[in-house]
C-alpha atoms as a PDB file:
ATOM      1  CA  MET A   1      14.961   9.725  -5.136  1.00  0.00           C
ATOM      2  CA  GLY A   2      16.084   6.329  -6.385  1.00  0.00           C
ATOM      3  CA  LEU A   3      14.490   4.554  -3.419  1.00  0.00           C
ATOM      4  CA  LEU A   4      11.190   6.372  -3.896  1.00  0.00           C
ATOM      5  CA  THR A   5      11.204   5.646  -7.631  1.00  0.00           C
ATOM      6  CA  ASN A   6      11.808   1.944  -7.006  1.00  0.00           C
ATOM      7  CA  LEU A   7       9.078   1.944  -4.379  1.00  0.00           C
ATOM      8  CA  LYS A   8       6.589   3.458  -6.815  1.00  0.00           C
ATOM      9  CA  LYS A   9       7.544   0.911  -9.481  1.00  0.00           C
ATOM     10  CA  SER A  10       7.067  -1.953  -7.005  1.00  0.00           C
ATOM     11  CA  VAL A  11       3.688  -0.601  -5.954  1.00  0.00           C
ATOM     12  CA  LYS A  12       2.612  -0.184  -9.581  1.00  0.00           C
ATOM     13  CA  ARG A  13       3.595  -3.757 -10.427  1.00  0.00           C
ATOM     14  CA  ALA A  14       1.543  -5.016  -7.498  1.00  0.00           C
ATOM     15  CA  THR A  15      -1.480  -2.875  -8.341  1.00  0.00           C
ATOM     16  CA  ASP A  16      -1.319  -3.987 -11.967  1.00  0.00           C
ATOM     17  CA  ARG A  17      -1.531  -7.600 -10.791  1.00  0.00           C
ATOM     18  CA  LEU A  18      -4.414  -6.860  -8.480  1.00  0.00           C
ATOM     19  CA  PHE A  19      -6.387  -4.686 -10.864  1.00  0.00           C
ATOM     20  CA  THR A  20      -6.386  -7.202 -13.719  1.00  0.00           C
ATOM     21  CA  GLU A  21      -8.075 -10.102 -11.942  1.00  0.00           C
ATOM     22  CA  ASP A  22     -10.247 -12.021 -14.391  1.00  0.00           C
ATOM     23  CA  GLU A  23     -12.911 -13.307 -12.025  1.00  0.00           C
ATOM     24  CA  PRO A  24     -15.920 -11.025 -11.410  1.00  0.00           C
ATOM     25  CA  LYS A  25     -16.019  -9.387  -7.987  1.00  0.00           C
ATOM     26  CA  ARG A  26     -18.809 -10.627  -5.726  1.00  0.00           C
ATOM     27  CA  ILE A  27     -20.565  -7.466  -4.551  1.00  0.00           C
ATOM     28  CA  GLY A  28     -23.125  -7.911  -1.804  1.00  0.00           C
ATOM     29  CA  ILE A  29     -26.072  -5.518  -1.626  1.00  0.00           C
ATOM     30  CA  TYR A  30     -26.772  -5.089   2.082  1.00  0.00           C
ATOM     31  CA  GLY A  31     -28.987  -3.007   4.328  1.00  0.00           C
ATOM     32  CA  PRO A  32     -32.092  -3.154   6.504  1.00  0.00           C
ATOM     33  CA  PRO A  33     -35.428  -4.502   5.226  1.00  0.00           C
ATOM     34  CA  ASN A  34     -37.347  -2.354   2.738  1.00  0.00           C
ATOM     35  CA  ALA A  35     -34.409  -0.070   1.953  1.00  0.00           C
ATOM     36  CA  GLY A  36     -34.759  -0.852  -1.756  1.00  0.00           C
ATOM     37  CA  LYS A  37     -31.990  -3.426  -2.171  1.00  0.00           C
ATOM     38  CA  THR A  38     -33.783  -5.637  -4.670  1.00  0.00           C
ATOM     39  CA  THR A  39     -35.062  -2.585  -6.557  1.00  0.00           C
ATOM     40  CA  LEU A  40     -31.439  -1.469  -6.889  1.00  0.00           C
ATOM     41  CA  ALA A  41     -30.231  -4.959  -7.847  1.00  0.00           C
ATOM     42  CA  ASN A  42     -32.905  -5.146 -10.542  1.00  0.00           C
ATOM     43  CA  ARG A  43     -32.055  -1.654 -11.792  1.00  0.00           C
ATOM     44  CA  ILE A  44     -28.367  -2.550 -12.177  1.00  0.00           C
ATOM     45  CA  ALA A  45     -29.075  -5.949 -13.738  1.00  0.00           C
ATOM     46  CA  ARG A  46     -31.627  -4.586 -16.210  1.00  0.00           C
ATOM     47  CA  ASP A  47     -29.425  -1.666 -17.226  1.00  0.00           C
ATOM     48  CA  TRP A  48     -26.450  -3.903 -18.011  1.00  0.00           C
ATOM     49  CA  THR A  49     -27.902  -7.334 -18.827  1.00  0.00           C
ATOM     50  CA  GLY A  50     -31.589  -6.797 -19.564  1.00  0.00           C
ATOM     51  CA  ASP A  51     -32.593  -9.261 -16.838  1.00  0.00           C
ATOM     52  CA  ALA A  52     -33.966  -8.891 -13.310  1.00  0.00           C
ATOM     53  CA  VAL A  53     -32.591 -10.404 -10.097  1.00  0.00           C
ATOM     54  CA  GLY A  54     -35.790 -11.009  -8.161  1.00  0.00           C
ATOM     55  CA  PRO A  55     -39.319  -9.817  -7.276  1.00  0.00           C
ATOM     56  CA  GLU A  56     -39.904  -6.508  -5.490  1.00  0.00           C
ATOM     57  CA  SER A  57     -42.523  -5.812  -2.837  1.00  0.00           C
ATOM     58  CA  HIS A  58     -43.559  -3.186  -0.287  1.00  0.00           C
ATOM     59  CA  ILE A  59     -43.926  -6.002   2.250  1.00  0.00           C
ATOM     60  CA  PRO A  60     -40.800  -6.405   4.402  1.00  0.00           C
ATOM     61  CA  HIS A  61     -38.529  -9.403   3.817  1.00  0.00           C
ATOM     62  CA  GLU A  62     -39.634 -10.137   0.265  1.00  0.00           C
ATOM     63  CA  THR A  63     -36.045 -11.334  -0.280  1.00  0.00           C
ATOM     64  CA  ARG A  64     -35.492 -14.218   2.137  1.00  0.00           C
ATOM     65  CA  ARG A  65     -32.676 -15.970   0.281  1.00  0.00           C
ATOM     66  CA  ALA A  66     -29.621 -14.438  -1.335  1.00  0.00           C
ATOM     67  CA  ARG A  67     -29.989 -14.101  -5.107  1.00  0.00           C
ATOM     68  CA  ARG A  68     -27.040 -13.811  -7.446  1.00  0.00           C
ATOM     69  CA  LYS A  69     -26.760 -12.272 -10.903  1.00  0.00           C
ATOM     70  CA  GLU A  70     -23.421 -13.216 -12.424  1.00  0.00           C
ATOM     71  CA  ASN A  71     -21.007 -11.377 -14.681  1.00  0.00           C
ATOM     72  CA  VAL A  72     -22.596  -7.934 -14.826  1.00  0.00           C
ATOM     73  CA  GLU A  73     -20.123  -5.712 -16.706  1.00  0.00           C
ATOM     74  CA  ILE A  74     -20.248  -2.013 -15.824  1.00  0.00           C
ATOM     75  CA  GLU A  75     -18.270   0.603 -17.745  1.00  0.00           C
ATOM     76  CA  ARG A  76     -17.941   4.286 -16.928  1.00  0.00           C
ATOM     77  CA  ASN A  77     -15.365   6.968 -17.802  1.00  0.00           C
ATOM     78  CA  GLY A  78     -12.739   4.529 -19.030  1.00  0.00           C
ATOM     79  CA  LYS A  79     -13.094   2.284 -15.972  1.00  0.00           C
ATOM     80  CA  SER A  80     -14.847  -1.049 -16.053  1.00  0.00           C
ATOM     81  CA  VAL A  81     -15.561  -3.882 -13.667  1.00  0.00           C
ATOM     82  CA  ALA A  82     -17.267  -7.265 -13.944  1.00  0.00           C
ATOM     83  CA  ILE A  83     -19.297  -8.074 -10.850  1.00  0.00           C
ATOM     84  CA  ASP A  84     -21.606 -10.735  -9.529  1.00  0.00           C
ATOM     85  CA  ILE A  85     -24.496  -8.976  -7.801  1.00  0.00           C
ATOM     86  CA  VAL A  86     -25.546 -10.701  -4.584  1.00  0.00           C
ATOM     87  CA  ASP A  87     -28.931  -9.392  -3.461  1.00  0.00           C
ATOM     88  CA  THR A  88     -29.104 -10.314   0.228  1.00  0.00           C
ATOM     89  CA  PRO A  89     -32.047 -10.503   2.650  1.00  0.00           C
ATOM     90  CA  GLY A  90     -32.619  -7.450   4.821  1.00  0.00           C
ATOM     91  CA  VAL A  91     -30.742  -7.676   8.105  1.00  0.00           C
ATOM     92  CA  THR A  92     -32.560  -6.959  11.345  1.00  0.00           C
ATOM     93  CA  THR A  93     -32.208  -7.944  15.006  1.00  0.00           C
ATOM     94  CA  LYS A  94     -35.723  -9.377  15.211  1.00  0.00           C
ATOM     95  CA  VAL A  95     -38.337 -10.721  12.818  1.00  0.00           C
ATOM     96  CA  ASP A  96     -41.852 -10.764  14.290  1.00  0.00           C
ATOM     97  CA  TYR A  97     -44.601 -12.591  12.415  1.00  0.00           C
ATOM     98  CA  LYS A  98     -47.109  -9.992  13.672  1.00  0.00           C
ATOM     99  CA  GLU A  99     -45.450  -7.477  11.375  1.00  0.00           C
ATOM    100  CA  PHE A 100     -46.732  -9.439   8.387  1.00  0.00           C
ATOM    101  CA  LEU A 101     -50.280  -9.640   9.751  1.00  0.00           C
ATOM    102  CA  GLU A 102     -50.481  -5.894   9.158  1.00  0.00           C
ATOM    103  CA  HIS A 103     -50.219  -6.670   5.429  1.00  0.00           C
ATOM    104  CA  ASP A 104     -53.353  -8.867   5.450  1.00  0.00           C
ATOM    105  CA  MET A 105     -51.381 -12.093   5.633  1.00  0.00           C
ATOM    106  CA  GLU A 106     -52.811 -15.233   7.189  1.00  0.00           C
ATOM    107  CA  LYS A 107     -51.141 -16.197  10.452  1.00  0.00           C
ATOM    108  CA  GLU A 108     -49.713 -19.423   9.053  1.00  0.00           C
ATOM    109  CA  ASP A 109     -48.159 -17.579   6.123  1.00  0.00           C
ATOM    110  CA  ALA A 110     -46.867 -14.841   8.421  1.00  0.00           C
ATOM    111  CA  VAL A 111     -45.181 -17.354  10.724  1.00  0.00           C
ATOM    112  CA  ARG A 112     -43.608 -19.125   7.757  1.00  0.00           C
ATOM    113  CA  ARG A 113     -42.391 -15.840   6.280  1.00  0.00           C
ATOM    114  CA  SER A 114     -40.869 -14.753   9.598  1.00  0.00           C
ATOM    115  CA  ARG A 115     -39.053 -18.076   9.929  1.00  0.00           C
ATOM    116  CA  GLU A 116     -37.691 -17.825   6.387  1.00  0.00           C
ATOM    117  CA  ALA A 117     -36.685 -14.206   6.979  1.00  0.00           C
ATOM    118  CA  THR A 118     -34.759 -15.183  10.125  1.00  0.00           C
ATOM    119  CA  GLU A 119     -32.913 -17.868   8.168  1.00  0.00           C
ATOM    120  CA  GLY A 120     -32.249 -15.283   5.470  1.00  0.00           C
ATOM    121  CA  VAL A 121     -30.563 -12.947   7.974  1.00  0.00           C
ATOM    122  CA  ALA A 122     -28.192 -15.763   8.946  1.00  0.00           C
ATOM    123  CA  GLU A 123     -27.429 -16.441   5.277  1.00  0.00           C
ATOM    124  CA  ALA A 124     -26.732 -12.753   4.627  1.00  0.00           C
ATOM    125  CA  MET A 125     -24.263 -12.660   7.517  1.00  0.00           C
ATOM    126  CA  HIS A 126     -22.513 -15.777   6.172  1.00  0.00           C
ATOM    127  CA  TRP A 127     -22.079 -14.126   2.769  1.00  0.00           C
ATOM    128  CA  LEU A 128     -20.700 -11.014   4.440  1.00  0.00           C
ATOM    129  CA  ARG A 129     -18.113 -12.892   6.471  1.00  0.00           C
ATOM    130  CA  GLU A 130     -17.070 -15.428   3.844  1.00  0.00           C
ATOM    131  CA  ASP A 131     -18.128 -14.790   0.275  1.00  0.00           C
ATOM    132  CA  VAL A 132     -18.189 -11.140  -0.855  1.00  0.00           C
ATOM    133  CA  ASP A 133     -15.411  -8.913  -2.194  1.00  0.00           C
ATOM    134  CA  GLY A 134     -17.195  -5.611  -1.618  1.00  0.00           C
ATOM    135  CA  VAL A 135     -20.444  -4.147  -0.315  1.00  0.00           C
ATOM    136  CA  ILE A 136     -23.087  -1.744  -1.568  1.00  0.00           C
ATOM    137  CA  TYR A 137     -24.927  -0.663   1.567  1.00  0.00           C
ATOM    138  CA  VAL A 138     -28.422   0.635   0.855  1.00  0.00           C
ATOM    139  CA  LEU A 139     -30.306   2.895   3.266  1.00  0.00           C
ATOM    140  CA  ASP A 140     -33.745   4.468   3.074  1.00  0.00           C
ATOM    141  CA  SER A 141     -32.825   8.161   3.159  1.00  0.00           C
ATOM    142  CA  SER A 142     -36.222   9.053   4.636  1.00  0.00           C
ATOM    143  CA  LEU A 143     -35.433   7.134   7.844  1.00  0.00           C
ATOM    144  CA  ASP A 144     -32.966   7.678  10.674  1.00  0.00           C
ATOM    145  CA  PRO A 145     -29.734   5.808   9.777  1.00  0.00           C
ATOM    146  CA  PHE A 146     -28.506   5.709  13.390  1.00  0.00           C
ATOM    147  CA  THR A 147     -29.710   2.200  14.234  1.00  0.00           C
ATOM    148  CA  GLN A 148     -28.147  -0.793  15.939  1.00  0.00           C
ATOM    149  CA  VAL A 149     -28.302  -2.851  12.742  1.00  0.00           C
ATOM    150  CA  ASN A 150     -26.616  -0.234  10.568  1.00  0.00           C
ATOM    151  CA  THR A 151     -23.873   0.440  13.109  1.00  0.00           C
ATOM    152  CA  MET A 152     -23.254  -3.295  13.545  1.00  0.00           C
ATOM    153  CA  LEU A 153     -23.139  -4.087   9.829  1.00  0.00           C
ATOM    154  CA  ILE A 154     -20.895  -1.166   8.911  1.00  0.00           C
ATOM    155  CA  GLY A 155     -18.584  -2.229  11.744  1.00  0.00           C
ATOM    156  CA  ILE A 156     -18.426  -5.802  10.428  1.00  0.00           C
ATOM    157  CA  ILE A 157     -17.781  -4.568   6.882  1.00  0.00           C
ATOM    158  CA  GLU A 158     -14.924  -2.393   8.148  1.00  0.00           C
ATOM    159  CA  SER A 159     -13.475  -5.228  10.224  1.00  0.00           C
ATOM    160  CA  GLN A 160     -13.489  -7.411   7.088  1.00  0.00           C
ATOM    161  CA  ASP A 161     -11.552  -4.667   5.253  1.00  0.00           C
ATOM    162  CA  LEU A 162     -14.125  -4.659   2.455  1.00  0.00           C
ATOM    163  CA  PRO A 163     -14.616  -1.704   0.106  1.00  0.00           C
ATOM    164  CA  VAL A 164     -18.075  -0.229   0.679  1.00  0.00           C
ATOM    165  CA  LEU A 165     -20.320   2.315  -1.004  1.00  0.00           C
ATOM    166  CA  ILE A 166     -23.240   3.719   0.966  1.00  0.00           C
ATOM    167  CA  LEU A 167     -26.295   4.586  -1.108  1.00  0.00           C
ATOM    168  CA  ALA A 168     -28.912   6.960   0.288  1.00  0.00           C
ATOM    169  CA  ASN A 169     -31.900   5.527  -1.559  1.00  0.00           C
ATOM    170  CA  LYS A 170     -35.476   6.770  -2.003  1.00  0.00           C
ATOM    171  CA  THR A 171     -34.572  10.371  -2.716  1.00  0.00           C
ATOM    172  CA  ASP A 172     -37.899  10.543  -4.549  1.00  0.00           C
ATOM    173  CA  LEU A 173     -39.636  10.664  -1.151  1.00  0.00           C
ATOM    174  CA  GLU A 174     -40.445  14.050   0.356  1.00  0.00           C
ATOM    175  CA  GLU A 175     -38.959  12.995   3.708  1.00  0.00           C
ATOM    176  CA  SER A 176     -35.609  12.062   2.137  1.00  0.00           C
ATOM    177  CA  ASN A 177     -32.556  13.468   3.920  1.00  0.00           C
ATOM    178  CA  MET A 178     -29.363  12.407   2.170  1.00  0.00           C
ATOM    179  CA  GLN A 179     -27.150  14.569   4.396  1.00  0.00           C
ATOM    180  CA  ARG A 180     -28.351  12.735   7.494  1.00  0.00           C
ATOM    181  CA  VAL A 181     -27.112   9.481   5.973  1.00  0.00           C
ATOM    182  CA  ALA A 182     -23.772  11.043   4.998  1.00  0.00           C
ATOM    183  CA  ASN A 183     -23.329  12.428   8.505  1.00  0.00           C
ATOM    184  CA  ALA A 184     -23.993   9.012  10.038  1.00  0.00           C
ATOM    185  CA  PHE A 185     -21.042   7.396   8.258  1.00  0.00           C
ATOM    186  CA  PRO A 186     -18.656  10.209   7.236  1.00  0.00           C
ATOM    187  CA  GLN A 187     -15.759   7.806   6.723  1.00  0.00           C
ATOM    188  CA  HIS A 188     -17.461   6.342   3.645  1.00  0.00           C
ATOM    189  CA  GLU A 189     -18.637   7.688   0.310  1.00  0.00           C
ATOM    190  CA  THR A 190     -22.401   8.330   0.299  1.00  0.00           C
ATOM    191  CA  ILE A 191     -24.335   8.667  -2.949  1.00  0.00           C
ATOM    192  CA  PRO A 192     -27.972   9.797  -3.234  1.00  0.00           C
ATOM    193  CA  LEU A 193     -30.270   7.968  -5.632  1.00  0.00           C
ATOM    194  CA  SER A 194     -33.736   6.749  -6.375  1.00  0.00           C
ATOM    195  CA  ALA A 195     -33.422   3.160  -7.536  1.00  0.00           C
ATOM    196  CA  LEU A 196     -37.165   3.105  -8.215  1.00  0.00           C
ATOM    197  CA  GLU A 197     -37.031   6.044 -10.631  1.00  0.00           C
ATOM    198  CA  GLY A 198     -33.456   5.510 -11.820  1.00  0.00           C
ATOM    199  CA  LYS A 199     -32.290   8.932 -10.631  1.00  0.00           C
ATOM    200  CA  ASN A 200     -28.530   9.510 -10.280  1.00  0.00           C
ATOM    201  CA  MET A 201     -27.634   6.018 -11.481  1.00  0.00           C
ATOM    202  CA  ASP A 202     -24.795   7.422 -13.603  1.00  0.00           C
ATOM    203  CA  GLU A 203     -22.966   8.503 -10.443  1.00  0.00           C
ATOM    204  CA  VAL A 204     -23.708   5.134  -8.856  1.00  0.00           C
ATOM    205  CA  TYR A 205     -22.174   3.305 -11.825  1.00  0.00           C
ATOM    206  CA  GLU A 206     -19.132   5.587 -11.876  1.00  0.00           C
ATOM    207  CA  ASN A 207     -18.446   4.792  -8.243  1.00  0.00           C
ATOM    208  CA  ILE A 208     -19.046   1.063  -8.677  1.00  0.00           C
ATOM    209  CA  ALA A 209     -16.532   0.965 -11.535  1.00  0.00           C
ATOM    210  CA  GLU A 210     -14.018   2.978  -9.515  1.00  0.00           C
ATOM    211  CA  TYR A 211     -14.371   1.295  -6.115  1.00  0.00           C
ATOM    212  CA  PHE A 212     -14.820  -2.313  -7.106  1.00  0.00           C
ATOM    213  CA  GLY A 213     -12.618  -2.252 -10.168  1.00  0.00           C
ATOM    214  CA  TRP A 214      -9.738  -1.346  -7.825  1.00  0.00           C
ATOM    215  CA  GLN A 215      -8.868  -4.115  -5.410  1.00  0.00           C
ATOM    216  CA  CYS A 216      -6.019  -2.576  -3.432  1.00  0.00           C
ATOM    217  CA  ARG A 217      -6.761  -2.318   0.264  1.00  0.00           C
ATOM    218  CA  VAL A 218      -5.388   0.948   1.514  1.00  0.00           C
ATOM    219  CA  GLN A 219      -6.038   2.625   4.829  1.00  0.00           C
ATOM    220  CA  PRO A 220      -5.739   6.396   4.324  1.00  0.00           C
ATOM    221  CA  LYS A 221      -4.262   8.453   7.121  1.00  0.00           C
ATOM    222  CA  SER A 222      -7.348  10.661   7.227  1.00  0.00           C
ATOM    223  CA  ALA A 223     -10.838   9.305   7.856  1.00  0.00           C
ATOM    224  CA  GLU A 224     -12.050  11.956   5.424  1.00  0.00           C
ATOM    225  CA  THR A 225     -10.285  10.214   2.544  1.00  0.00           C
ATOM    226  CA  THR A 226     -12.166   7.379   0.827  1.00  0.00           C
ATOM    227  CA  PRO A 227     -10.443   4.076  -0.075  1.00  0.00           C
ATOM    228  CA  ALA A 228     -10.683   4.839  -3.797  1.00  0.00           C
ATOM    229  CA  VAL A 229      -8.891   8.158  -3.315  1.00  0.00           C
ATOM    230  CA  ALA A 230      -6.240   6.405  -1.246  1.00  0.00           C
ATOM    231  CA  CYS A 231      -5.755   3.802  -3.970  1.00  0.00           C
ATOM    232  CA  ARG A 232      -5.236   6.506  -6.564  1.00  0.00           C
ATOM    233  CA  SER A 233      -2.909   8.455  -4.306  1.00  0.00           C
ATOM    234  CA  ILE A 234      -0.533   5.706  -3.212  1.00  0.00           C
ATOM    235  CA  LEU A 235       1.288   5.748  -6.534  1.00  0.00           C
ATOM    236  CA  SER A 236       1.974   9.470  -6.253  1.00  0.00           C
ATOM    237  CA  VAL A 237       2.732   9.876  -2.558  1.00  0.00           C
ATOM    238  CA  GLY A 238       4.359   6.559  -1.683  1.00  0.00           C
ATOM    239  CA  LEU A 239       5.102   6.412   2.038  1.00  0.00           C
ATOM    240  CA  GLU A 240       2.381   8.912   2.919  1.00  0.00           C
ATOM    241  CA  TRP A 241      -0.171   6.083   3.001  1.00  0.00           C
ATOM    242  CA  ARG A 242      -0.457   3.096   5.316  1.00  0.00           C
ATOM    243  CA  VAL A 243      -0.870  -0.130   3.375  1.00  0.00           C
ATOM    244  CA  SER A 244      -2.664  -3.095   4.935  1.00  0.00           C
ATOM    245  CA  PRO A 245      -0.323  -5.999   5.895  1.00  0.00           C
ATOM    246  CA  GLU A 246      -1.757  -8.405   3.306  1.00  0.00           C
ATOM    247  CA  TRP A 247      -1.341  -5.901   0.493  1.00  0.00           C
ATOM    248  CA  LYS A 248       2.123  -4.865   1.675  1.00  0.00           C
ATOM    249  CA  ARG A 249       3.330  -8.455   1.476  1.00  0.00           C
ATOM    250  CA  SER A 250       2.265  -8.626  -2.165  1.00  0.00           C
ATOM    251  CA  VAL A 251       4.075  -5.345  -2.870  1.00  0.00           C
ATOM    252  CA  TRP A 252       7.394  -6.202  -1.323  1.00  0.00           C
ATOM    253  CA  SER A 253       7.466  -9.944  -2.011  1.00  0.00           C
END
């Protein structure tokens, strides 16, 4: 009993250090083009700061450079977190200028937009690999989530050991199927919402405060258990959870 008690105290000291970081967490908003990433970024920024992050459009690749809104403080149910929102360009495997011609764009403008969008994809990947502390992954819930891009990005996020929330956006559409999104990535928390209409944003904010306000990196034994649940549980079950090597060093050092 003494060993377990000491272990819990050591873990609590480490979590206290991690959970009281002063710098805002850089949270990247990722997903395919036209999933509603900028609409979500603007919704969050307006709700908590009164400002917008960037322009919205039905034309794909409106966001072609990462935009950052700093020090957005979110509070819910006694939990709070300060984040920098990074609205990233939509990631895709190919950007074809002909896609923009369908939106009555001149060829020269379409070619320029496709080139900028391609550069934006590279920038988004750089942010993901180097500069974000967590990810909000936005999917259009009216579309099939089983795509090469989604599988690749979720895999990279997992390999980076980043906390991630998956948002099934556009629930205001008749074709929306939130359960299909949840079934695609059952190892992660999936939250339905309509960023356009502001539906279910309370649950989104609760999860942002919980996931990104907690910076321990815990790998639960069961894939059915989310990282946030694992973080809460480690203090009560001790050795029942596997702790990532980097976090373990901070606990036992």
